[in-house]
Amino acid sequence: MKALLGLVVAAVVLSAVAFMLGSYQTDIYRKLLLWTTLALSYNFLFGIAGQVAFSHFTFYGIGAYAILILLFQVGLPLPLAVLAGIALCVVLALVVAIPATRLEGFYLALATLAFAQLFIVVLNEGGKVTGAAGGLANYRLPDVFGVRITGPWYTVVIVVLLLGTLAVLWRLDRSWFGRACRAVRDNPEAAQAMGVNVARTKIIAYTITSAMAGVAGMVYAFVDNTVNPPIFGLENSFLLLFMVIVGGSGRHAGAIIGAALLYLMPFVLSPLIGHHHALVFGVVMVAVVLFQPKGLIGLWDALVAKRKTPSSAVRGTKVHQ
């Protein structure tokens, strides 16, 4: 009940912000919410399930292109196009995940990296279907039950997506499946000995999170009303990984902090130091990895622990006296 109340309050606050921003700030805000949504789902895959994959942003692109092709080229109505797009993401995730479960660590990363690069090639060579290098443009979201969702109201849709993703992942993390994912991450052999099907757990985690990325991509497709191959380049896959590491791998709050920090950093630093903000980005990454391996959320944990320690020490002294 408390968690539900927190989600409702967050929905109201985040939605209210959408009605207070200008067009430029709205664009930044929408993309921040989408990056945060992606970071949450990738955090489950990387931080909780322990899979190093570089295809998460690829499924974001698959979702974006799929909804546009299904709507405007195949001619499906919006609900069916969404379901078909999710089904496509699930099928492609299974195609990647089933053979990839036989790979470990660096080799799994290479396999998903190759898949991500193949996706970019398909987009560039897709002709009229994908719009080739120019992408797809000049479209708008179809009316939903006769209502056109635009402006701040579309930002509300993104807020619902973000909080819905958080709620689902929060429940998964606290379920038997979440415990199985953490066991596989920490020690696959021990997890197998305890009765956890390691391969199946990896496949399910990869498929669920990839489908979530695809849904986020469908929503993104109508943010700028244009998609093209450079948007879904490999550099964004690495940025997503950095967001999770900097914020705190395996923690939902860490993913939110990392996404907000690394997405907003260029907007804050560019007016001050120009293109040198990339250097600051690199320094932050190295510093976090070297001095705070638990991420920025680890600093918060240390602060909370430090605040609790004095009171515990005082109580211990009184008892001793």
Protein backbone atom coordinates (compact mmCIF):
# COMPACT_ATOMS: atom_id res chain seq x y z
CA MET A 1 0.00 0.00 0.00
CA LYS A 2 2.84 2.34 0.88
CA ALA A 3 4.60 1.56 -2.40
CA LEU A 4 1.40 2.20 -4.35
CA LEU A 5 0.93 5.55 -2.63
CA GLY A 6 4.51 6.46 -3.48
CA LEU A 7 3.92 5.65 -7.16
CA VAL A 8 0.76 7.77 -7.22
CA VAL A 9 2.56 10.74 -5.65
CA ALA A 10 5.47 10.34 -8.06
CA ALA A 11 3.05 10.18 -11.01
CA VAL A 12 1.32 13.38 -9.91
CA VAL A 13 4.59 15.27 -9.34
CA LEU A 14 6.32 14.11 -12.53
CA SER A 15 3.19 14.77 -14.59
CA ALA A 16 2.71 18.22 -13.08
CA VAL A 17 6.24 19.17 -14.16
CA ALA A 18 5.25 18.51 -17.77
CA PHE A 19 2.71 21.35 -17.67
CA MET A 20 5.27 23.87 -16.41
CA LEU A 21 7.93 23.58 -19.12
CA GLY A 22 8.56 25.27 -22.43
CA SER A 23 9.03 23.31 -25.66
CA TYR A 24 12.84 22.99 -25.35
CA GLN A 25 12.69 21.95 -21.68
CA THR A 26 9.87 19.52 -22.48
CA ASP A 27 12.02 17.78 -25.08
CA ILE A 28 14.86 17.37 -22.57
CA TYR A 29 12.45 16.21 -19.86
CA ARG A 30 10.81 13.58 -22.07
CA LYS A 31 14.12 12.10 -23.14
CA LEU A 32 15.37 12.12 -19.54
CA LEU A 33 12.31 10.08 -18.53
CA LEU A 34 12.91 7.65 -21.39
CA TRP A 35 16.62 7.26 -20.59
CA THR A 36 15.67 6.59 -16.98
CA THR A 37 13.18 3.94 -18.11
CA LEU A 38 15.88 2.28 -20.21
CA ALA A 39 18.41 2.46 -17.38
CA LEU A 40 15.97 0.74 -15.01
CA SER A 41 15.37 -2.20 -17.33
CA TYR A 42 19.06 -2.48 -18.26
CA ASN A 43 19.97 -2.37 -14.58
CA PHE A 44 17.84 -5.48 -14.06
CA LEU A 45 19.60 -7.25 -16.92
CA PHE A 46 23.13 -6.15 -16.04
CA GLY A 47 23.07 -5.37 -12.33
CA ILE A 48 20.61 -7.99 -11.07
CA ALA A 49 20.79 -10.80 -13.66
CA GLY A 50 24.51 -10.23 -14.29
CA GLN A 51 24.39 -10.24 -18.11
CA VAL A 52 26.79 -7.93 -19.95
CA ALA A 53 24.84 -7.19 -23.14
CA PHE A 54 25.09 -4.32 -25.61
CA SER A 55 21.80 -4.94 -27.40
CA HIS A 56 19.47 -3.13 -25.01
CA PHE A 57 19.47 0.13 -26.95
CA THR A 58 19.07 -1.93 -30.12
CA PHE A 59 15.71 -3.23 -28.89
CA TYR A 60 14.81 0.39 -28.14
CA GLY A 61 15.36 1.05 -31.83
CA ILE A 62 13.54 -2.12 -32.89
CA GLY A 63 10.49 -0.99 -30.95
CA ALA A 64 10.61 2.48 -32.50
CA TYR A 65 10.91 1.25 -36.08
CA ALA A 66 8.47 -1.62 -35.58
CA ILE A 67 5.59 0.57 -34.39
CA LEU A 68 6.05 2.97 -37.33
CA ILE A 69 6.29 0.24 -39.97
CA LEU A 70 3.32 -1.66 -38.54
CA LEU A 71 1.19 1.48 -38.29
CA PHE A 72 1.96 3.33 -41.48
CA GLN A 73 3.18 0.66 -43.89
CA VAL A 74 1.34 -2.48 -42.80
CA GLY A 75 -1.74 -0.49 -41.74
CA LEU A 76 -2.46 -2.11 -38.38
CA PRO A 77 -4.51 -0.22 -35.79
CA LEU A 78 -2.51 1.15 -32.85
CA PRO A 79 -3.38 -1.57 -30.26
CA LEU A 80 -2.52 -4.40 -32.66
CA ALA A 81 0.64 -2.60 -33.79
CA VAL A 82 1.81 -2.31 -30.18
CA LEU A 83 1.14 -6.00 -29.49
CA ALA A 84 2.82 -7.05 -32.73
CA GLY A 85 5.83 -4.84 -31.93
CA ILE A 86 6.18 -6.42 -28.48
CA ALA A 87 5.88 -9.89 -30.02
CA LEU A 88 8.64 -9.03 -32.50
CA CYS A 89 10.93 -7.88 -29.69
CA VAL A 90 10.24 -11.08 -27.75
CA VAL A 91 10.97 -13.29 -30.76
CA LEU A 92 14.21 -11.46 -31.60
CA ALA A 93 15.27 -11.52 -27.96
CA LEU A 94 14.77 -15.29 -27.87
CA VAL A 95 16.73 -15.67 -31.12
CA VAL A 96 19.63 -13.83 -29.49
CA ALA A 97 19.28 -15.19 -25.95
CA ILE A 98 18.91 -18.92 -26.55
CA PRO A 99 22.29 -19.44 -28.25
CA ALA A 100 23.91 -16.65 -26.21
CA THR A 101 23.23 -18.44 -22.91
CA ARG A 102 26.01 -20.85 -23.87
CA LEU A 103 28.43 -17.93 -23.85
CA GLU A 104 29.95 -16.24 -20.81
CA GLY A 105 31.22 -12.77 -20.00
CA PHE A 106 33.21 -11.21 -22.80
CA TYR A 107 31.84 -13.55 -25.47
CA LEU A 108 28.23 -12.75 -24.59
CA ALA A 109 29.07 -9.05 -24.84
CA LEU A 110 30.61 -9.63 -28.28
CA ALA A 111 27.56 -11.56 -29.51
CA THR A 112 25.14 -8.80 -28.51
CA LEU A 113 27.53 -6.17 -29.88
CA ALA A 114 27.44 -7.94 -33.25
CA PHE A 115 23.64 -8.03 -33.12
CA ALA A 116 23.54 -4.29 -32.41
CA GLN A 117 25.81 -3.57 -35.36
CA LEU A 118 23.73 -5.82 -37.62
CA PHE A 119 20.63 -3.82 -36.70
CA ILE A 120 22.29 -0.57 -37.83
CA VAL A 121 23.27 -2.21 -41.13
CA VAL A 122 19.68 -3.39 -41.68
CA LEU A 123 18.38 0.12 -41.02
CA ASN A 124 20.80 1.69 -43.50
CA GLU A 125 20.08 -0.92 -46.17
CA GLY A 126 16.35 -1.20 -45.56
CA GLY A 127 15.26 1.02 -48.44
CA LYS A 128 11.75 2.42 -48.24
CA VAL A 129 10.82 0.13 -45.34
CA THR A 130 13.28 1.71 -42.88
CA GLY A 131 13.94 4.92 -44.79
CA ALA A 132 17.61 3.91 -45.18
CA ALA A 133 20.12 6.44 -43.80
CA GLY A 134 17.50 9.20 -43.71
CA GLY A 135 15.16 7.23 -41.46
CA LEU A 136 11.42 7.77 -41.13
CA ALA A 137 9.77 11.15 -40.59
CA ASN A 138 6.65 13.25 -41.24
CA TYR A 139 4.22 11.19 -39.17
CA ARG A 140 2.28 11.65 -35.95
CA LEU A 141 0.69 9.49 -33.28
CA PRO A 142 -2.74 8.24 -34.37
CA ASP A 143 -5.70 9.32 -32.28
CA VAL A 144 -6.45 7.07 -29.31
CA PHE A 145 -10.20 6.44 -29.06
CA GLY A 146 -10.75 9.60 -31.06
CA VAL A 147 -8.51 11.69 -28.81
CA ARG A 148 -5.23 13.23 -29.99
CA ILE A 149 -2.55 12.97 -27.30
CA THR A 150 -0.05 15.79 -27.72
CA GLY A 151 1.92 18.30 -25.70
CA PRO A 152 2.16 17.77 -21.94
CA TRP A 153 -0.32 14.90 -22.11
CA TYR A 154 2.13 12.83 -24.12
CA THR A 155 4.72 13.50 -21.43
CA VAL A 156 2.22 12.02 -18.97
CA VAL A 157 2.21 8.86 -21.10
CA ILE A 158 6.00 8.67 -20.71
CA VAL A 159 5.67 9.19 -16.94
CA VAL A 160 3.22 6.26 -16.78
CA LEU A 161 5.66 4.14 -18.80
CA LEU A 162 8.52 4.99 -16.43
CA LEU A 163 6.59 4.26 -13.25
CA GLY A 164 5.01 1.14 -14.75
CA THR A 165 8.46 -0.17 -15.66
CA LEU A 166 9.74 0.60 -12.16
CA ALA A 167 6.76 -1.16 -10.54
CA VAL A 168 7.17 -4.30 -12.66
CA LEU A 169 10.91 -4.50 -12.07
CA TRP A 170 10.48 -3.84 -8.34
CA ARG A 171 8.05 -6.76 -8.11
CA LEU A 172 10.28 -9.01 -10.21
CA ASP A 173 13.31 -8.19 -8.07
CA ARG A 174 11.45 -9.23 -4.91
CA SER A 175 9.99 -12.40 -6.41
CA TRP A 176 11.52 -15.89 -6.65
CA PHE A 177 12.66 -14.94 -10.14
CA GLY A 178 14.59 -11.93 -8.87
CA ARG A 179 16.29 -14.08 -6.25
CA ALA A 180 17.13 -16.62 -8.94
CA CYS A 181 18.65 -13.88 -11.12
CA ARG A 182 20.84 -12.67 -8.27
CA ALA A 183 21.92 -16.22 -7.48
CA VAL A 184 22.89 -16.80 -11.11
CA ARG A 185 24.76 -13.49 -11.17
CA ASP A 186 26.74 -14.24 -8.01
CA ASN A 187 27.51 -17.93 -8.58
CA PRO A 188 25.95 -19.87 -11.47
CA GLU A 189 27.30 -23.20 -10.26
CA ALA A 190 25.87 -22.76 -6.76
CA ALA A 191 22.56 -21.57 -8.23
CA GLN A 192 22.41 -24.68 -10.44
CA ALA A 193 23.12 -26.85 -7.39
CA MET A 194 20.20 -25.22 -5.56
CA GLY A 195 17.82 -26.13 -8.36
CA VAL A 196 17.86 -22.90 -10.39
CA ASN A 197 17.73 -23.43 -14.14
CA VAL A 198 20.55 -21.07 -15.07
CA ALA A 199 19.98 -21.03 -18.83
CA ARG A 200 16.22 -20.50 -18.53
CA THR A 201 16.67 -17.73 -15.96
CA LYS A 202 19.09 -15.88 -18.25
CA ILE A 203 16.80 -16.24 -21.26
CA ILE A 204 13.74 -14.97 -19.38
CA ALA A 205 15.62 -12.00 -17.90
CA TYR A 206 17.04 -11.04 -21.30
CA THR A 207 13.66 -11.41 -23.03
CA ILE A 208 11.66 -9.44 -20.46
CA THR A 209 14.08 -6.53 -20.30
CA SER A 210 14.48 -6.44 -24.09
CA ALA A 211 10.70 -6.28 -24.52
CA MET A 212 10.60 -3.41 -22.01
CA ALA A 213 13.23 -1.57 -24.04
CA GLY A 214 11.12 -2.17 -27.15
CA VAL A 215 8.04 -0.65 -25.52
CA ALA A 216 10.09 2.40 -24.51
CA GLY A 217 11.23 2.67 -28.14
CA MET A 218 7.62 2.67 -29.34
CA VAL A 219 6.90 5.62 -27.07
CA TYR A 220 10.08 7.39 -28.17
CA ALA A 221 9.06 7.12 -31.84
CA PHE A 222 6.47 9.87 -31.27
CA VAL A 223 8.65 12.21 -29.21
CA ASP A 224 10.50 13.80 -32.15
CA ASN A 225 8.29 12.20 -34.83
CA THR A 226 11.45 11.07 -36.61
CA VAL A 227 13.79 8.09 -36.29
CA ASN A 228 17.06 7.37 -38.07
CA PRO A 229 20.02 4.98 -37.65
CA PRO A 230 22.43 7.37 -35.83
CA ILE A 231 19.95 7.70 -32.94
CA PHE A 232 20.41 4.02 -32.12
CA GLY A 233 24.18 3.88 -32.56
CA LEU A 234 26.50 1.81 -30.39
CA GLU A 235 27.70 4.81 -28.37
CA ASN A 236 24.30 4.98 -26.70
CA SER A 237 24.57 1.33 -25.66
CA PHE A 238 27.78 2.16 -23.83
CA LEU A 239 26.24 5.28 -22.31
CA LEU A 240 23.46 3.12 -20.90
CA LEU A 241 26.03 0.82 -19.32
CA PHE A 242 27.87 3.80 -17.82
CA MET A 243 24.62 5.14 -16.35
CA VAL A 244 24.04 1.91 -14.45
CA ILE A 245 27.64 1.65 -13.25
CA VAL A 246 27.89 5.28 -12.12
CA GLY A 247 24.53 5.22 -10.37
CA GLY A 248 25.00 1.87 -8.68
CA SER A 249 24.66 -1.50 -10.38
CA GLY A 250 21.87 -3.70 -9.07
CA ARG A 251 19.93 -0.85 -7.42
CA HIS A 252 16.83 0.75 -8.95
CA ALA A 253 17.62 4.06 -7.27
CA GLY A 254 21.16 3.84 -8.63
CA ALA A 255 19.88 3.47 -12.19
CA ILE A 256 17.70 6.56 -11.75
CA ILE A 257 20.58 8.61 -10.32
CA GLY A 258 23.03 7.50 -13.00
CA ALA A 259 20.59 8.22 -15.84
CA ALA A 260 19.76 11.68 -14.53
CA LEU A 261 23.40 12.61 -13.93
CA LEU A 262 24.90 11.42 -17.20
CA TYR A 263 22.03 12.59 -19.39
CA LEU A 264 21.90 16.08 -17.89
CA MET A 265 25.65 16.55 -17.53
CA PRO A 266 26.26 17.79 -21.12
CA PHE A 267 23.43 20.34 -20.84
CA VAL A 268 24.93 21.74 -17.64
CA LEU A 269 28.61 21.64 -18.58
CA SER A 270 28.51 22.60 -22.28
CA PRO A 271 27.66 26.29 -21.64
CA LEU A 272 30.50 26.42 -19.11
CA ILE A 273 33.35 24.50 -20.74
CA GLY A 274 32.12 23.72 -24.26
CA HIS A 275 33.07 20.40 -25.81
CA HIS A 276 35.42 19.69 -22.88
CA HIS A 277 32.43 18.27 -21.03
CA ALA A 278 33.36 14.91 -22.62
CA LEU A 279 36.61 15.00 -20.64
CA VAL A 280 34.69 15.63 -17.41
CA PHE A 281 32.41 12.72 -18.31
CA GLY A 282 35.44 10.44 -18.63
CA VAL A 283 36.92 11.65 -15.35
CA VAL A 284 33.65 10.98 -13.53
CA MET A 285 33.51 7.46 -14.97
CA VAL A 286 37.08 6.62 -13.95
CA ALA A 287 36.67 8.17 -10.50
CA VAL A 288 33.50 6.21 -9.76
CA VAL A 289 35.00 2.91 -10.92
CA LEU A 290 38.19 3.44 -8.90
CA PHE A 291 36.93 5.08 -5.72
CA GLN A 292 33.23 4.19 -5.50
CA PRO A 293 32.68 0.79 -7.15
CA LYS A 294 29.20 0.56 -5.64
CA GLY A 295 28.21 3.70 -7.56
CA LEU A 296 26.82 6.98 -6.29
CA ILE A 297 24.06 5.17 -4.45
CA GLY A 298 26.86 3.68 -2.35
CA LEU A 299 27.67 7.16 -1.07
CA TRP A 300 24.09 7.48 0.16
CA ASP A 301 24.32 4.08 1.87
CA ALA A 302 27.53 5.14 3.60
CA LEU A 303 25.93 8.40 4.76
CA VAL A 304 22.90 6.59 6.18
CA ALA A 305 25.13 4.06 7.95
CA LYS A 306 27.25 6.86 9.39
CA ARG A 307 24.17 8.63 10.76
CA LYS A 308 22.98 5.45 12.45
CA THR A 309 26.34 4.57 14.00
CA PRO A 310 26.58 7.34 16.66
CA SER A 311 23.13 6.61 18.09
CA SER A 312 23.95 2.91 18.26
CA ALA A 313 27.24 3.67 19.96
CA VAL A 314 25.49 5.88 22.53
CA ARG A 315 22.96 3.19 23.33
CA GLY A 316 25.77 0.66 23.67
CA THR A 317 27.61 2.94 26.10
CA LYS A 318 24.51 3.45 28.26
CA VAL A 319 23.89 -0.28 28.44
CA HIS A 320 27.51 -0.88 29.43
CA GLN A 321 27.27 1.71 32.21
